[in-house]
């Protein structure tokens, strides 16, 4: 039996090398890394590669992923990035640390931690302008003051998130705001913050350009470790592997056909009325891969082919007069959205190698 298709091929050594490079780079300025594993469903082989590369914390947004990694006995501090009120009992059982923005959730965590006779550590997220999660800076002191009254919780840090929803860049101004908030909290409250977590893979340009790191001593890095790029413009980072993941799919049809559909046109399967340009006859390749498997706009052939469209179960390529035939394989690079999709899809096989 041949190799299963479609599949994503994953180089553990390249992920480990990326983690090691970034841990050393950021470590020169006293910044520790949380390796974010949510895009790879908490795959223990990948989180272990991050840990061997020097990542001190493993962070994920899904309790199921943290449970999977814990079951493999991986030695790390586990951080839950998204904390639902309904899951408080499982949060304190599985995560060493959770990121929080709501008092009701923290009260429930406190109660559950008390019942389990443990101290649960928390990081309070601060809104810095991207308008995803975060306590407004004007509310932060009263918020933290109340959290400090809750038993069995320990506030170990504050954090900010940028460039995920609104696309707001980490810069001197918002990083300075977070640093100053950390200083003010420690001046006014009985508190010593272990972590000031300034952001994620989007912080690379800020890191390279800033002259003052302030209190920022932690970043949450997923995409840069996995795909070797920063996330503001998706530029590759010099020294990193950009091909730790490759998607491979099989050609199931190879024919010369017109470039223009013929007949009365209406909506496609996804409700879109398309426009087409007549390029005459063309070599059209069809892959056993579709929108149910991957975010098609996030993949790019590694050979001189062109994606011309996709349906739920098929990707169509302009073969560019190559000699590819039925049964041949086509390889693709992936962006973050495509990686998330193929790692989540049960129809895409995962193949790990050194």
C-alpha atoms as a PDB file:
ATOM      1  CA  UNK A   1       0.000   0.000   0.000  1.00  0.00           C
ATOM      2  CA  UNK A   2       1.322   3.458  -0.921  1.00  0.00           C
ATOM      3  CA  UNK A   3       1.424   6.544   1.201  1.00  0.00           C
ATOM      4  CA  UNK A   4      -2.046   7.787   2.235  1.00  0.00           C
ATOM      5  CA  UNK A   5      -3.500  10.813   0.426  1.00  0.00           C
ATOM      6  CA  UNK A   6      -4.188  13.608   0.935  1.00  0.00           C
ATOM      7  CA  UNK A   7      -1.611  14.011   3.681  1.00  0.00           C
ATOM      8  CA  UNK A   8       0.369  16.657   5.464  1.00  0.00           C
ATOM      9  CA  UNK A   9       4.040  15.844   5.937  1.00  0.00           C
ATOM     10  CA  UNK A  10       5.496  17.237   9.147  1.00  0.00           C
ATOM     11  CA  UNK A  11       9.194  17.605   9.945  1.00  0.00           C
ATOM     12  CA  UNK A  12       9.727  17.361  13.695  1.00  0.00           C
ATOM     13  CA  UNK A  13      13.399  18.364  13.408  1.00  0.00           C
ATOM     14  CA  UNK A  14      12.527  21.574  11.537  1.00  0.00           C
ATOM     15  CA  UNK A  15       9.971  22.535  14.188  1.00  0.00           C
ATOM     16  CA  UNK A  16      12.525  21.845  16.925  1.00  0.00           C
ATOM     17  CA  UNK A  17      15.128  23.929  15.077  1.00  0.00           C
ATOM     18  CA  UNK A  18      12.688  26.826  14.741  1.00  0.00           C
ATOM     19  CA  UNK A  19      11.790  26.672  18.427  1.00  0.00           C
ATOM     20  CA  UNK A  20      15.475  26.576  19.395  1.00  0.00           C
ATOM     21  CA  UNK A  21      16.360  29.524  17.143  1.00  0.00           C
ATOM     22  CA  UNK A  22      13.532  31.681  18.497  1.00  0.00           C
ATOM     23  CA  UNK A  23      14.070  30.676  22.133  1.00  0.00           C
ATOM     24  CA  UNK A  24      17.717  31.774  21.823  1.00  0.00           C
ATOM     25  CA  UNK A  25      16.848  34.945  19.902  1.00  0.00           C
ATOM     26  CA  UNK A  26      14.170  36.199  22.277  1.00  0.00           C
ATOM     27  CA  UNK A  27      16.108  34.883  25.252  1.00  0.00           C
ATOM     28  CA  UNK A  28      18.907  37.380  24.544  1.00  0.00           C
ATOM     29  CA  UNK A  29      16.509  40.050  25.849  1.00  0.00           C
ATOM     30  CA  UNK A  30      15.138  37.991  28.724  1.00  0.00           C
ATOM     31  CA  UNK A  31      11.931  37.039  26.915  1.00  0.00           C
ATOM     32  CA  UNK A  32      10.628  33.511  27.490  1.00  0.00           C
ATOM     33  CA  UNK A  33       8.351  31.760  25.005  1.00  0.00           C
ATOM     34  CA  UNK A  34       5.046  29.967  25.251  1.00  0.00           C
ATOM     35  CA  UNK A  35       4.796  27.514  22.380  1.00  0.00           C
ATOM     36  CA  UNK A  36       1.250  27.755  21.043  1.00  0.00           C
ATOM     37  CA  UNK A  37      -0.089  24.406  19.855  1.00  0.00           C
ATOM     38  CA  UNK A  38      -3.720  25.184  18.982  1.00  0.00           C
ATOM     39  CA  UNK A  39      -3.123  25.112  15.202  1.00  0.00           C
ATOM     40  CA  UNK A  40      -1.825  21.531  15.453  1.00  0.00           C
ATOM     41  CA  UNK A  41      -4.498  20.261  17.880  1.00  0.00           C
ATOM     42  CA  UNK A  42      -2.007  19.885  20.704  1.00  0.00           C
ATOM     43  CA  UNK A  43      -0.117  17.140  18.877  1.00  0.00           C
ATOM     44  CA  UNK A  44       2.309  15.757  21.480  1.00  0.00           C
ATOM     45  CA  UNK A  45       5.073  15.115  18.922  1.00  0.00           C
ATOM     46  CA  UNK A  46       5.018  18.802  17.985  1.00  0.00           C
ATOM     47  CA  UNK A  47       4.778  20.158  21.522  1.00  0.00           C
ATOM     48  CA  UNK A  48       7.658  17.862  22.525  1.00  0.00           C
ATOM     49  CA  UNK A  49       9.728  19.334  19.675  1.00  0.00           C
ATOM     50  CA  UNK A  50       8.975  22.827  20.999  1.00  0.00           C
ATOM     51  CA  UNK A  51      10.009  21.815  24.517  1.00  0.00           C
ATOM     52  CA  UNK A  52      13.250  20.237  23.282  1.00  0.00           C
ATOM     53  CA  UNK A  53      13.884  23.475  21.406  1.00  0.00           C
ATOM     54  CA  UNK A  54      13.813  25.456  24.640  1.00  0.00           C
ATOM     55  CA  UNK A  55      10.180  26.545  25.011  1.00  0.00           C
ATOM     56  CA  UNK A  56       9.290  26.764  28.715  1.00  0.00           C
ATOM     57  CA  UNK A  57       5.501  26.886  28.464  1.00  0.00           C
ATOM     58  CA  UNK A  58       2.945  25.175  26.232  1.00  0.00           C
ATOM     59  CA  UNK A  59      -0.159  27.247  25.491  1.00  0.00           C
ATOM     60  CA  UNK A  60      -3.401  26.186  23.849  1.00  0.00           C
ATOM     61  CA  UNK A  61      -6.975  27.402  23.625  1.00  0.00           C
ATOM     62  CA  UNK A  62      -8.589  23.949  23.912  1.00  0.00           C
ATOM     63  CA  UNK A  63      -8.727  21.843  27.044  1.00  0.00           C
ATOM     64  CA  UNK A  64      -8.938  18.709  24.907  1.00  0.00           C
ATOM     65  CA  UNK A  65      -5.517  19.502  23.462  1.00  0.00           C
ATOM     66  CA  UNK A  66      -3.984  20.117  26.871  1.00  0.00           C
ATOM     67  CA  UNK A  67      -5.452  16.827  28.134  1.00  0.00           C
ATOM     68  CA  UNK A  68      -3.883  15.008  25.165  1.00  0.00           C
ATOM     69  CA  UNK A  69      -0.439  16.463  25.867  1.00  0.00           C
ATOM     70  CA  UNK A  70      -0.652  15.822  29.606  1.00  0.00           C
ATOM     71  CA  UNK A  71      -1.571  12.198  28.909  1.00  0.00           C
ATOM     72  CA  UNK A  72       1.793  11.824  27.128  1.00  0.00           C
ATOM     73  CA  UNK A  73       3.627  13.025  30.236  1.00  0.00           C
ATOM     74  CA  UNK A  74       5.282  16.003  28.559  1.00  0.00           C
ATOM     75  CA  UNK A  75       7.054  18.143  31.151  1.00  0.00           C
ATOM     76  CA  UNK A  76       5.922  21.748  30.714  1.00  0.00           C
ATOM     77  CA  UNK A  77       3.745  24.390  32.320  1.00  0.00           C
ATOM     78  CA  UNK A  78       0.419  24.305  30.521  1.00  0.00           C
ATOM     79  CA  UNK A  79      -1.428  27.524  29.766  1.00  0.00           C
ATOM     80  CA  UNK A  80      -5.050  27.826  28.662  1.00  0.00           C
ATOM     81  CA  UNK A  81      -5.474  30.830  26.384  1.00  0.00           C
ATOM     82  CA  UNK A  82      -9.284  30.818  26.262  1.00  0.00           C
ATOM     83  CA  UNK A  83     -11.208  30.296  29.505  1.00  0.00           C
ATOM     84  CA  UNK A  84     -14.933  29.466  29.307  1.00  0.00           C
ATOM     85  CA  UNK A  85     -16.993  29.856  32.475  1.00  0.00           C
ATOM     86  CA  UNK A  86     -18.675  26.481  31.936  1.00  0.00           C
ATOM     87  CA  UNK A  87     -15.353  24.603  32.018  1.00  0.00           C
ATOM     88  CA  UNK A  88     -13.895  25.955  35.254  1.00  0.00           C
ATOM     89  CA  UNK A  89     -13.639  22.547  36.925  1.00  0.00           C
ATOM     90  CA  UNK A  90     -11.626  21.120  34.018  1.00  0.00           C
ATOM     91  CA  UNK A  91      -9.537  24.287  33.680  1.00  0.00           C
ATOM     92  CA  UNK A  92      -8.080  24.049  37.167  1.00  0.00           C
ATOM     93  CA  UNK A  93      -7.573  20.289  36.801  1.00  0.00           C
ATOM     94  CA  UNK A  94      -5.713  20.465  33.487  1.00  0.00           C
ATOM     95  CA  UNK A  95      -4.095  23.889  33.138  1.00  0.00           C
ATOM     96  CA  UNK A  96      -1.390  25.298  35.393  1.00  0.00           C
ATOM     97  CA  UNK A  97      -2.237  28.810  34.210  1.00  0.00           C
ATOM     98  CA  UNK A  98      -5.236  30.372  32.477  1.00  0.00           C
ATOM     99  CA  UNK A  99      -5.713  33.728  30.750  1.00  0.00           C
ATOM    100  CA  UNK A 100      -8.765  35.614  32.001  1.00  0.00           C
ATOM    101  CA  UNK A 101     -10.834  38.759  31.512  1.00  0.00           C
ATOM    102  CA  UNK A 102     -14.109  38.103  33.399  1.00  0.00           C
ATOM    103  CA  UNK A 103     -14.695  38.205  37.158  1.00  0.00           C
ATOM    104  CA  UNK A 104     -17.469  35.615  37.064  1.00  0.00           C
ATOM    105  CA  UNK A 105     -15.123  33.148  35.422  1.00  0.00           C
ATOM    106  CA  UNK A 106     -12.388  33.896  37.962  1.00  0.00           C
ATOM    107  CA  UNK A 107     -14.812  33.409  40.841  1.00  0.00           C
ATOM    108  CA  UNK A 108     -15.737  30.017  39.430  1.00  0.00           C
ATOM    109  CA  UNK A 109     -12.060  29.110  38.988  1.00  0.00           C
ATOM    110  CA  UNK A 110     -11.443  30.133  42.596  1.00  0.00           C
ATOM    111  CA  UNK A 111     -14.306  27.951  43.813  1.00  0.00           C
ATOM    112  CA  UNK A 112     -13.183  24.947  41.775  1.00  0.00           C
ATOM    113  CA  UNK A 113      -9.558  25.358  42.828  1.00  0.00           C
ATOM    114  CA  UNK A 114     -10.683  25.443  46.463  1.00  0.00           C
ATOM    115  CA  UNK A 115     -12.631  22.211  45.989  1.00  0.00           C
ATOM    116  CA  UNK A 116      -9.595  20.566  44.419  1.00  0.00           C
ATOM    117  CA  UNK A 117      -7.278  21.973  47.113  1.00  0.00           C
ATOM    118  CA  UNK A 118      -4.909  23.598  44.614  1.00  0.00           C
ATOM    119  CA  UNK A 119      -3.698  27.080  43.736  1.00  0.00           C
ATOM    120  CA  UNK A 120      -4.569  28.034  40.170  1.00  0.00           C
ATOM    121  CA  UNK A 121      -2.415  30.678  38.509  1.00  0.00           C
ATOM    122  CA  UNK A 122      -3.965  33.339  36.293  1.00  0.00           C
ATOM    123  CA  UNK A 123      -2.842  35.977  33.814  1.00  0.00           C
ATOM    124  CA  UNK A 124      -5.131  38.971  33.322  1.00  0.00           C
ATOM    125  CA  UNK A 125      -5.402  40.054  29.697  1.00  0.00           C
ATOM    126  CA  UNK A 126      -5.479  43.791  28.967  1.00  0.00           C
ATOM    127  CA  UNK A 127      -7.205  45.427  25.992  1.00  0.00           C
ATOM    128  CA  UNK A 128      -4.539  47.224  23.943  1.00  0.00           C
ATOM    129  CA  UNK A 129      -6.628  48.172  20.912  1.00  0.00           C
ATOM    130  CA  UNK A 130      -7.075  45.022  18.833  1.00  0.00           C
ATOM    131  CA  UNK A 131     -10.543  44.545  20.377  1.00  0.00           C
ATOM    132  CA  UNK A 132     -10.447  40.842  20.966  1.00  0.00           C
ATOM    133  CA  UNK A 133     -10.154  39.883  24.650  1.00  0.00           C
ATOM    134  CA  UNK A 134      -8.935  42.140  27.448  1.00  0.00           C
ATOM    135  CA  UNK A 135      -9.841  44.253  30.448  1.00  0.00           C
ATOM    136  CA  UNK A 136      -9.828  47.957  29.610  1.00  0.00           C
ATOM    137  CA  UNK A 137      -6.754  49.684  31.115  1.00  0.00           C
ATOM    138  CA  UNK A 138      -8.992  52.098  33.022  1.00  0.00           C
ATOM    139  CA  UNK A 139     -10.668  49.139  34.760  1.00  0.00           C
ATOM    140  CA  UNK A 140      -7.556  47.073  35.355  1.00  0.00           C
ATOM    141  CA  UNK A 141      -6.662  48.171  38.896  1.00  0.00           C
ATOM    142  CA  UNK A 142     -10.129  47.656  40.368  1.00  0.00           C
ATOM    143  CA  UNK A 143     -10.382  44.363  38.474  1.00  0.00           C
ATOM    144  CA  UNK A 144      -7.076  42.979  39.776  1.00  0.00           C
ATOM    145  CA  UNK A 145      -7.793  44.272  43.277  1.00  0.00           C
ATOM    146  CA  UNK A 146     -10.959  42.191  43.363  1.00  0.00           C
ATOM    147  CA  UNK A 147      -9.219  39.120  41.910  1.00  0.00           C
ATOM    148  CA  UNK A 148      -6.672  39.305  44.714  1.00  0.00           C
ATOM    149  CA  UNK A 149      -9.476  38.746  47.234  1.00  0.00           C
ATOM    150  CA  UNK A 150     -10.405  35.398  45.667  1.00  0.00           C
ATOM    151  CA  UNK A 151      -8.979  32.349  47.449  1.00  0.00           C
ATOM    152  CA  UNK A 152      -6.893  29.703  45.693  1.00  0.00           C
ATOM    153  CA  UNK A 153      -5.988  32.006  42.782  1.00  0.00           C
ATOM    154  CA  UNK A 154      -2.578  33.563  42.185  1.00  0.00           C
ATOM    155  CA  UNK A 155      -2.211  36.443  39.749  1.00  0.00           C
ATOM    156  CA  UNK A 156       1.162  35.801  38.109  1.00  0.00           C
ATOM    157  CA  UNK A 157       0.979  38.203  35.199  1.00  0.00           C
ATOM    158  CA  UNK A 158      -0.753  40.457  32.729  1.00  0.00           C
ATOM    159  CA  UNK A 159      -0.788  40.178  28.969  1.00  0.00           C
ATOM    160  CA  UNK A 160      -1.922  41.782  25.757  1.00  0.00           C
ATOM    161  CA  UNK A 161      -3.040  40.416  22.420  1.00  0.00           C
ATOM    162  CA  UNK A 162      -2.603  42.206  19.104  1.00  0.00           C
ATOM    163  CA  UNK A 163      -2.895  41.520  15.358  1.00  0.00           C
ATOM    164  CA  UNK A 164      -5.330  38.601  15.732  1.00  0.00           C
ATOM    165  CA  UNK A 165      -8.672  40.320  15.212  1.00  0.00           C
ATOM    166  CA  UNK A 166      -8.203  43.992  14.412  1.00  0.00           C
ATOM    167  CA  UNK A 167      -4.743  43.653  12.867  1.00  0.00           C
ATOM    168  CA  UNK A 168      -3.277  46.245  15.234  1.00  0.00           C
ATOM    169  CA  UNK A 169       0.531  46.136  15.185  1.00  0.00           C
ATOM    170  CA  UNK A 170       2.550  45.673  18.360  1.00  0.00           C
ATOM    171  CA  UNK A 171       4.628  48.829  18.652  1.00  0.00           C
ATOM    172  CA  UNK A 172       6.567  51.035  21.049  1.00  0.00           C
ATOM    173  CA  UNK A 173       3.392  52.728  22.286  1.00  0.00           C
ATOM    174  CA  UNK A 174       1.191  49.743  23.146  1.00  0.00           C
ATOM    175  CA  UNK A 175       4.088  47.723  24.554  1.00  0.00           C
ATOM    176  CA  UNK A 176       5.025  50.701  26.733  1.00  0.00           C
ATOM    177  CA  UNK A 177       1.415  50.914  27.948  1.00  0.00           C
ATOM    178  CA  UNK A 178       1.500  47.255  29.011  1.00  0.00           C
ATOM    179  CA  UNK A 179       4.871  47.701  30.720  1.00  0.00           C
ATOM    180  CA  UNK A 180       3.713  50.768  32.633  1.00  0.00           C
ATOM    181  CA  UNK A 181       0.521  49.016  33.724  1.00  0.00           C
ATOM    182  CA  UNK A 182       2.669  46.220  35.168  1.00  0.00           C
ATOM    183  CA  UNK A 183       4.771  48.771  37.070  1.00  0.00           C
ATOM    184  CA  UNK A 184       1.709  50.589  38.403  1.00  0.00           C
ATOM    185  CA  UNK A 185       0.034  47.369  39.531  1.00  0.00           C
ATOM    186  CA  UNK A 186       3.109  46.394  41.511  1.00  0.00           C
ATOM    187  CA  UNK A 187       3.373  49.856  43.056  1.00  0.00           C
ATOM    188  CA  UNK A 188      -0.254  50.023  44.147  1.00  0.00           C
ATOM    189  CA  UNK A 189      -1.112  46.407  44.971  1.00  0.00           C
ATOM    190  CA  UNK A 190       0.535  43.580  46.927  1.00  0.00           C
ATOM    191  CA  UNK A 191       1.636  41.923  43.736  1.00  0.00           C
ATOM    192  CA  UNK A 192       4.763  40.725  41.966  1.00  0.00           C
ATOM    193  CA  UNK A 193       4.219  39.801  38.333  1.00  0.00           C
ATOM    194  CA  UNK A 194       6.186  36.856  36.989  1.00  0.00           C
ATOM    195  CA  UNK A 195       4.883  37.380  33.461  1.00  0.00           C
ATOM    196  CA  UNK A 196       4.238  40.376  31.270  1.00  0.00           C
ATOM    197  CA  UNK A 197       3.198  38.640  28.073  1.00  0.00           C
ATOM    198  CA  UNK A 198       3.416  41.162  25.259  1.00  0.00           C
ATOM    199  CA  UNK A 199       1.878  39.253  22.389  1.00  0.00           C
ATOM    200  CA  UNK A 200       2.538  36.646  19.760  1.00  0.00           C
ATOM    201  CA  UNK A 201       4.340  35.966  16.476  1.00  0.00           C
ATOM    202  CA  UNK A 202       3.304  39.449  15.317  1.00  0.00           C
ATOM    203  CA  UNK A 203       5.770  40.943  17.825  1.00  0.00           C
ATOM    204  CA  UNK A 204       8.839  40.006  15.766  1.00  0.00           C
ATOM    205  CA  UNK A 205       9.277  43.401  14.060  1.00  0.00           C
ATOM    206  CA  UNK A 206       8.766  45.211  17.375  1.00  0.00           C
ATOM    207  CA  UNK A 207      11.390  42.972  18.953  1.00  0.00           C
ATOM    208  CA  UNK A 208      13.910  43.680  16.196  1.00  0.00           C
ATOM    209  CA  UNK A 209      13.347  47.454  16.188  1.00  0.00           C
ATOM    210  CA  UNK A 210      12.709  48.469  19.801  1.00  0.00           C
ATOM    211  CA  UNK A 211      15.402  49.945  22.017  1.00  0.00           C
ATOM    212  CA  UNK A 212      13.354  49.536  25.188  1.00  0.00           C
ATOM    213  CA  UNK A 213      11.723  46.204  26.032  1.00  0.00           C
ATOM    214  CA  UNK A 214      10.318  47.564  29.270  1.00  0.00           C
ATOM    215  CA  UNK A 215       8.679  44.857  31.354  1.00  0.00           C
ATOM    216  CA  UNK A 216       7.850  42.563  28.429  1.00  0.00           C
ATOM    217  CA  UNK A 217       9.354  39.179  29.323  1.00  0.00           C
ATOM    218  CA  UNK A 218       7.152  36.686  27.490  1.00  0.00           C
ATOM    219  CA  UNK A 219       5.641  36.054  24.064  1.00  0.00           C
ATOM    220  CA  UNK A 220       3.192  33.417  22.850  1.00  0.00           C
ATOM    221  CA  UNK A 221       4.632  31.971  19.648  1.00  0.00           C
ATOM    222  CA  UNK A 222       2.854  29.541  17.345  1.00  0.00           C
ATOM    223  CA  UNK A 223       3.058  30.511  13.680  1.00  0.00           C
ATOM    224  CA  UNK A 224       6.715  31.564  13.741  1.00  0.00           C
ATOM    225  CA  UNK A 225       7.736  28.188  15.179  1.00  0.00           C
ATOM    226  CA  UNK A 226       5.488  26.178  12.886  1.00  0.00           C
ATOM    227  CA  UNK A 227       5.779  28.097   9.614  1.00  0.00           C
ATOM    228  CA  UNK A 228       8.931  30.189  10.044  1.00  0.00           C
ATOM    229  CA  UNK A 229       7.400  33.627   9.474  1.00  0.00           C
ATOM    230  CA  UNK A 230       6.232  36.717  11.298  1.00  0.00           C
ATOM    231  CA  UNK A 231       2.510  37.432  11.090  1.00  0.00           C
ATOM    232  CA  UNK A 232       2.097  41.094  10.131  1.00  0.00           C
ATOM    233  CA  UNK A 233       3.117  40.577   6.511  1.00  0.00           C
ATOM    234  CA  UNK A 234       3.980  36.854   6.597  1.00  0.00           C
ATOM    235  CA  UNK A 235       7.601  37.485   5.719  1.00  0.00           C
ATOM    236  CA  UNK A 236       9.921  34.516   6.345  1.00  0.00           C
ATOM    237  CA  UNK A 237      12.244  35.019   9.310  1.00  0.00           C
ATOM    238  CA  UNK A 238      15.888  34.570   8.367  1.00  0.00           C
ATOM    239  CA  UNK A 239      17.273  31.439   9.989  1.00  0.00           C
ATOM    240  CA  UNK A 240      13.942  29.616  10.243  1.00  0.00           C
ATOM    241  CA  UNK A 241      12.530  26.692   8.266  1.00  0.00           C
ATOM    242  CA  UNK A 242       9.424  27.660   6.279  1.00  0.00           C
ATOM    243  CA  UNK A 243       8.677  24.130   5.062  1.00  0.00           C
ATOM    244  CA  UNK A 244       8.127  22.124   8.245  1.00  0.00           C
ATOM    245  CA  UNK A 245       4.642  21.347   6.901  1.00  0.00           C
ATOM    246  CA  UNK A 246       3.803  20.328   3.334  1.00  0.00           C
ATOM    247  CA  UNK A 247       0.411  19.272   2.000  1.00  0.00           C
ATOM    248  CA  UNK A 248       0.381  16.503  -0.598  1.00  0.00           C
ATOM    249  CA  UNK A 249      -2.604  15.611  -2.797  1.00  0.00           C
ATOM    250  CA  UNK A 250      -3.258  13.173  -5.638  1.00  0.00           C
ATOM    251  CA  UNK A 251      -4.243  14.026  -9.204  1.00  0.00           C
ATOM    252  CA  UNK A 252      -7.474  12.186 -10.036  1.00  0.00           C
ATOM    253  CA  UNK A 253      -8.153  13.754 -13.449  1.00  0.00           C
ATOM    254  CA  UNK A 254      -5.811  15.238 -16.086  1.00  0.00           C
ATOM    255  CA  UNK A 255      -7.478  16.480 -19.273  1.00  0.00           C
ATOM    256  CA  UNK A 256      -7.351  19.292 -21.796  1.00  0.00           C
ATOM    257  CA  UNK A 257     -10.583  21.295 -21.532  1.00  0.00           C
ATOM    258  CA  UNK A 258     -11.889  24.792 -22.287  1.00  0.00           C
ATOM    259  CA  UNK A 259     -11.033  27.515 -19.782  1.00  0.00           C
ATOM    260  CA  UNK A 260     -14.632  28.853 -19.925  1.00  0.00           C
ATOM    261  CA  UNK A 261     -17.641  26.927 -18.607  1.00  0.00           C
ATOM    262  CA  UNK A 262     -20.410  26.672 -21.203  1.00  0.00           C
ATOM    263  CA  UNK A 263     -24.150  26.868 -20.608  1.00  0.00           C
ATOM    264  CA  UNK A 264     -26.196  29.265 -18.475  1.00  0.00           C
ATOM    265  CA  UNK A 265     -24.220  30.360 -15.402  1.00  0.00           C
ATOM    266  CA  UNK A 266     -25.587  30.751 -11.875  1.00  0.00           C
ATOM    267  CA  UNK A 267     -24.333  30.279  -8.337  1.00  0.00           C
ATOM    268  CA  UNK A 268     -21.702  27.691  -7.558  1.00  0.00           C
ATOM    269  CA  UNK A 269     -22.002  25.232  -4.659  1.00  0.00           C
ATOM    270  CA  UNK A 270     -21.065  27.975  -2.185  1.00  0.00           C
ATOM    271  CA  UNK A 271     -23.469  30.631  -3.455  1.00  0.00           C
ATOM    272  CA  UNK A 272     -20.957  32.598  -5.552  1.00  0.00           C
ATOM    273  CA  UNK A 273     -21.559  33.751  -9.117  1.00  0.00           C
ATOM    274  CA  UNK A 274     -18.128  33.612 -10.747  1.00  0.00           C
ATOM    275  CA  UNK A 275     -16.591  35.474 -13.631  1.00  0.00           C
ATOM    276  CA  UNK A 276     -14.302  33.685 -16.047  1.00  0.00           C
ATOM    277  CA  UNK A 277     -11.666  34.783 -18.567  1.00  0.00           C
ATOM    278  CA  UNK A 278     -11.379  32.894 -21.829  1.00  0.00           C
ATOM    279  CA  UNK A 279      -7.831  31.534 -22.096  1.00  0.00           C
ATOM    280  CA  UNK A 280      -8.704  28.949 -24.719  1.00  0.00           C
ATOM    281  CA  UNK A 281      -7.956  25.272 -24.191  1.00  0.00           C
ATOM    282  CA  UNK A 282      -5.928  24.445 -21.101  1.00  0.00           C
ATOM    283  CA  UNK A 283      -4.532  21.468 -19.237  1.00  0.00           C
ATOM    284  CA  UNK A 284      -6.819  21.054 -16.237  1.00  0.00           C
ATOM    285  CA  UNK A 285      -5.812  18.892 -13.281  1.00  0.00           C
ATOM    286  CA  UNK A 286      -8.212  17.835 -10.539  1.00  0.00           C
ATOM    287  CA  UNK A 287      -6.973  16.846  -7.075  1.00  0.00           C
ATOM    288  CA  UNK A 288      -8.595  14.667  -4.433  1.00  0.00           C
ATOM    289  CA  UNK A 289      -8.638  17.615  -2.052  1.00  0.00           C
ATOM    290  CA  UNK A 290     -11.255  20.262  -1.367  1.00  0.00           C
ATOM    291  CA  UNK A 291     -12.641  22.995   0.802  1.00  0.00           C
ATOM    292  CA  UNK A 292     -13.761  20.421   3.358  1.00  0.00           C
ATOM    293  CA  UNK A 293     -10.071  19.608   3.876  1.00  0.00           C
ATOM    294  CA  UNK A 294      -8.248  22.929   3.620  1.00  0.00           C
ATOM    295  CA  UNK A 295      -8.630  26.684   3.248  1.00  0.00           C
ATOM    296  CA  UNK A 296      -7.757  26.661  -0.433  1.00  0.00           C
ATOM    297  CA  UNK A 297      -6.712  30.335  -0.583  1.00  0.00           C
ATOM    298  CA  UNK A 298      -4.027  29.455   1.971  1.00  0.00           C
ATOM    299  CA  UNK A 299      -2.138  26.881  -0.097  1.00  0.00           C
ATOM    300  CA  UNK A 300       0.422  27.427  -2.839  1.00  0.00           C
ATOM    301  CA  UNK A 301       1.809  24.749  -5.203  1.00  0.00           C
ATOM    302  CA  UNK A 302       5.536  24.228  -4.794  1.00  0.00           C
ATOM    303  CA  UNK A 303       5.764  23.473  -8.544  1.00  0.00           C
ATOM    304  CA  UNK A 304       4.808  25.853 -11.413  1.00  0.00           C
ATOM    305  CA  UNK A 305       1.058  25.199 -11.287  1.00  0.00           C
ATOM    306  CA  UNK A 306      -1.862  27.539 -10.625  1.00  0.00           C
ATOM    307  CA  UNK A 307      -4.968  26.960  -8.533  1.00  0.00           C
ATOM    308  CA  UNK A 308      -7.992  28.028 -10.601  1.00  0.00           C
ATOM    309  CA  UNK A 309     -10.772  26.977  -8.240  1.00  0.00           C
ATOM    310  CA  UNK A 310     -12.139  24.518  -5.725  1.00  0.00           C
ATOM    311  CA  UNK A 311     -15.310  22.812  -4.608  1.00  0.00           C
ATOM    312  CA  UNK A 312     -15.959  20.883  -1.413  1.00  0.00           C
ATOM    313  CA  UNK A 313     -14.030  17.810  -2.602  1.00  0.00           C
ATOM    314  CA  UNK A 314     -11.943  18.970  -5.583  1.00  0.00           C
ATOM    315  CA  UNK A 315      -9.161  21.468  -6.262  1.00  0.00           C
ATOM    316  CA  UNK A 316      -8.721  22.476  -9.898  1.00  0.00           C
ATOM    317  CA  UNK A 317      -5.304  23.408 -11.279  1.00  0.00           C
ATOM    318  CA  UNK A 318      -3.989  24.908 -14.465  1.00  0.00           C
ATOM    319  CA  UNK A 319      -1.391  22.296 -15.356  1.00  0.00           C
ATOM    320  CA  UNK A 320       0.754  24.847 -17.256  1.00  0.00           C
ATOM    321  CA  UNK A 321       1.499  22.205 -19.911  1.00  0.00           C
ATOM    322  CA  UNK A 322       3.343  19.947 -17.511  1.00  0.00           C
ATOM    323  CA  UNK A 323       3.381  16.190 -18.039  1.00  0.00           C
ATOM    324  CA  UNK A 324       1.590  15.380 -14.778  1.00  0.00           C
ATOM    325  CA  UNK A 325      -0.777  12.424 -14.959  1.00  0.00           C
ATOM    326  CA  UNK A 326      -3.500  10.727 -12.932  1.00  0.00           C
ATOM    327  CA  UNK A 327      -1.959   9.272  -9.754  1.00  0.00           C
ATOM    328  CA  UNK A 328       0.842  11.832  -9.542  1.00  0.00           C
ATOM    329  CA  UNK A 329       1.241  13.903  -6.390  1.00  0.00           C
ATOM    330  CA  UNK A 330       1.216  17.688  -6.067  1.00  0.00           C
ATOM    331  CA  UNK A 331       2.805  19.456  -3.083  1.00  0.00           C
ATOM    332  CA  UNK A 332       1.716  22.695  -1.452  1.00  0.00           C
ATOM    333  CA  UNK A 333       3.042  25.110   1.133  1.00  0.00           C
ATOM    334  CA  UNK A 334       0.505  26.309   3.713  1.00  0.00           C
ATOM    335  CA  UNK A 335      -0.329  29.510   5.522  1.00  0.00           C
ATOM    336  CA  UNK A 336      -1.656  29.546   9.085  1.00  0.00           C
ATOM    337  CA  UNK A 337      -5.325  29.195   8.121  1.00  0.00           C
ATOM    338  CA  UNK A 338      -4.582  26.275   5.822  1.00  0.00           C
ATOM    339  CA  UNK A 339      -2.423  24.607   8.481  1.00  0.00           C
ATOM    340  CA  UNK A 340      -5.237  24.937  11.013  1.00  0.00           C
ATOM    341  CA  UNK A 341      -7.693  23.367   8.553  1.00  0.00           C
ATOM    342  CA  UNK A 342      -5.570  20.391   7.475  1.00  0.00           C
ATOM    343  CA  UNK A 343      -4.571  19.556  11.042  1.00  0.00           C
ATOM    344  CA  UNK A 344      -8.252  19.646  12.047  1.00  0.00           C
ATOM    345  CA  UNK A 345      -9.562  17.676   9.068  1.00  0.00           C
ATOM    346  CA  UNK A 346     -10.037  13.939   9.731  1.00  0.00           C
ATOM    347  CA  UNK A 347      -9.634  13.356   5.982  1.00  0.00           C
ATOM    348  CA  UNK A 348      -6.058  14.651   5.777  1.00  0.00           C
ATOM    349  CA  UNK A 349      -3.546  12.076   7.002  1.00  0.00           C
ATOM    350  CA  UNK A 350      -0.702  13.281   9.216  1.00  0.00           C
ATOM    351  CA  UNK A 351       2.752  11.880   8.522  1.00  0.00           C
ATOM    352  CA  UNK A 352       5.582  12.762  10.920  1.00  0.00           C
ATOM    353  CA  UNK A 353       9.241  12.348  10.151  1.00  0.00           C
ATOM    354  CA  UNK A 354      12.520  13.444  11.659  1.00  0.00           C
END
